[in-house]
Amino acid sequence: AEEWRKLRDAIGPGAADVPPDFVDFAEHCVVAIAPGEADSFPNLGVRPATEEGVDVLTVTEVRPSGRHIEPHSPVVLLKLPRRERQLTIVIRRVAGPSPGSEDSVRTFPPLR
């Protein structure tokens, strides 16, 4: 719990409402995804898959949501179980009718 409190404090005010016992690092890991500054609420979706022996977590960000707000930097916290395979995080951005783009953010080694 102490590790999580330190991480929560490092993330800042956006994580203030997340409970202090949110994660036990002996069982889980936490991935924080910050898609960048926005002036609308992003519509976010998360899709897990396994491709060629690698776990892939695709976070899809669809803009605009239609509701405009003051510019801010959203953060998505994902609590994931420890896993036997590598994990690749992909952000897919879609704006309006365009096909969008995908970026591989990072690949993490297995956590046993």
Protein backbone atom coordinates (compact mmCIF):
# COMPACT_ATOMS: atom_id res chain seq x y z
CA ALA A 1 0.00 0.00 0.00
CA GLU A 2 2.89 2.38 0.70
CA GLU A 3 4.24 1.97 -2.86
CA TRP A 4 0.81 2.87 -4.25
CA ARG A 5 0.53 5.95 -2.02
CA LYS A 6 3.89 7.19 -3.33
CA LEU A 7 2.85 6.62 -6.94
CA ARG A 8 -0.56 8.23 -6.35
CA ASP A 9 1.14 11.31 -4.90
CA ALA A 10 3.50 11.46 -7.89
CA ILE A 11 0.55 11.37 -10.33
CA GLY A 12 -0.96 14.39 -8.63
CA PRO A 13 -4.48 15.69 -7.96
CA GLY A 14 -6.08 13.51 -10.63
CA ALA A 15 -5.40 10.42 -8.54
CA ALA A 16 -6.52 11.91 -5.22
CA ASP A 17 -9.86 10.06 -5.28
CA VAL A 18 -8.28 6.66 -5.91
CA PRO A 19 -8.32 4.68 -2.64
CA PRO A 20 -5.04 4.13 -0.79
CA ASP A 21 -5.51 0.35 -1.03
CA PHE A 22 -6.18 0.41 -4.82
CA VAL A 23 -3.32 -1.94 -5.67
CA ASP A 24 -1.07 -4.53 -4.07
CA PHE A 25 2.10 -4.64 -6.18
CA ALA A 26 2.71 -8.25 -5.15
CA GLU A 27 -0.35 -9.20 -7.25
CA HIS A 28 -0.79 -6.37 -9.78
CA CYS A 29 0.95 -3.63 -11.70
CA VAL A 30 -0.35 -0.18 -12.56
CA VAL A 31 0.02 1.50 -15.93
CA ALA A 32 -0.74 5.22 -16.21
CA ILE A 33 -1.58 6.48 -19.70
CA ALA A 34 -1.66 10.23 -20.35
CA PRO A 35 -2.98 10.81 -23.90
CA GLY A 36 -2.12 14.55 -23.85
CA GLU A 37 -3.86 17.85 -23.23
CA ALA A 38 -7.49 18.04 -24.30
CA ASP A 39 -10.37 20.51 -24.22
CA SER A 40 -13.10 17.87 -24.30
CA PHE A 41 -13.76 14.66 -22.42
CA PRO A 42 -12.20 11.86 -24.44
CA ASN A 43 -14.26 8.77 -25.05
CA LEU A 44 -11.87 6.00 -24.04
CA GLY A 45 -12.12 2.29 -24.63
CA VAL A 46 -9.74 -0.48 -23.58
CA ARG A 47 -9.40 -3.74 -25.51
CA PRO A 48 -7.11 -6.59 -24.44
CA ALA A 49 -5.78 -9.15 -26.91
CA THR A 50 -2.95 -11.63 -27.32
CA GLU A 51 -1.04 -11.40 -30.58
CA GLU A 52 1.91 -13.66 -31.44
CA GLY A 53 2.47 -14.53 -27.78
CA VAL A 54 2.39 -10.91 -26.57
CA ASP A 55 -0.41 -9.36 -24.51
CA VAL A 56 -1.60 -6.19 -26.24
CA LEU A 57 -3.71 -3.56 -24.52
CA THR A 58 -5.20 -1.07 -26.98
CA VAL A 59 -6.56 2.16 -25.52
CA THR A 60 -8.80 3.87 -28.08
CA GLU A 61 -9.34 7.60 -27.72
CA VAL A 62 -12.24 9.01 -29.78
CA ARG A 63 -12.55 12.78 -30.15
CA PRO A 64 -14.44 14.96 -29.94
CA SER A 65 -16.84 13.80 -27.28
CA GLY A 66 -19.04 16.85 -27.81
CA ARG A 67 -18.62 18.27 -24.33
CA HIS A 68 -16.02 21.03 -24.12
CA ILE A 69 -14.23 21.80 -20.88
CA GLU A 70 -11.18 23.76 -19.74
CA PRO A 71 -7.97 22.29 -21.18
CA HIS A 72 -6.67 19.49 -19.00
CA SER A 73 -4.39 16.45 -19.16
CA PRO A 74 -6.39 13.26 -18.59
CA VAL A 75 -4.73 10.17 -17.09
CA VAL A 76 -6.04 6.63 -17.34
CA LEU A 77 -4.96 4.24 -14.57
CA LEU A 78 -5.02 0.57 -15.45
CA LYS A 79 -4.63 -2.05 -12.73
CA LEU A 80 -3.35 -5.20 -14.39
CA PRO A 81 -2.57 -8.65 -13.02
CA ARG A 82 1.00 -9.90 -13.12
CA ARG A 83 1.44 -11.86 -16.33
CA GLU A 84 3.66 -14.47 -17.97
CA ARG A 85 3.94 -12.67 -21.35
CA GLN A 86 5.22 -9.31 -22.51
CA LEU A 87 2.66 -6.48 -22.52
CA THR A 88 2.49 -3.88 -25.27
CA ILE A 89 0.41 -0.74 -24.72
CA VAL A 90 -1.04 0.82 -27.89
CA ILE A 91 -2.92 4.12 -28.12
CA ARG A 92 -5.33 4.42 -31.03
CA ARG A 93 -6.62 7.93 -31.74
CA VAL A 94 -9.74 8.56 -33.80
CA ALA A 95 -11.04 12.05 -34.62
CA GLY A 96 -14.28 12.35 -36.52
CA PRO A 97 -14.63 10.23 -39.66
CA SER A 98 -10.85 9.84 -40.20
CA PRO A 99 -9.36 6.34 -39.92
CA GLY A 100 -7.21 7.44 -36.97
CA SER A 101 -3.70 6.46 -35.98
CA GLU A 102 -2.05 3.91 -33.70
CA ASP A 103 1.11 4.31 -31.68
CA SER A 104 2.84 1.61 -29.69
CA VAL A 105 3.62 3.37 -26.42
CA ARG A 106 5.72 0.81 -24.62
CA THR A 107 6.40 -2.88 -24.24
CA PHE A 108 6.85 -4.22 -20.71
CA PRO A 109 8.63 -7.46 -19.82
CA PRO A 110 6.68 -10.28 -18.17
CA LEU A 111 5.92 -9.79 -14.47
CA ARG A 112 5.93 -13.04 -12.56
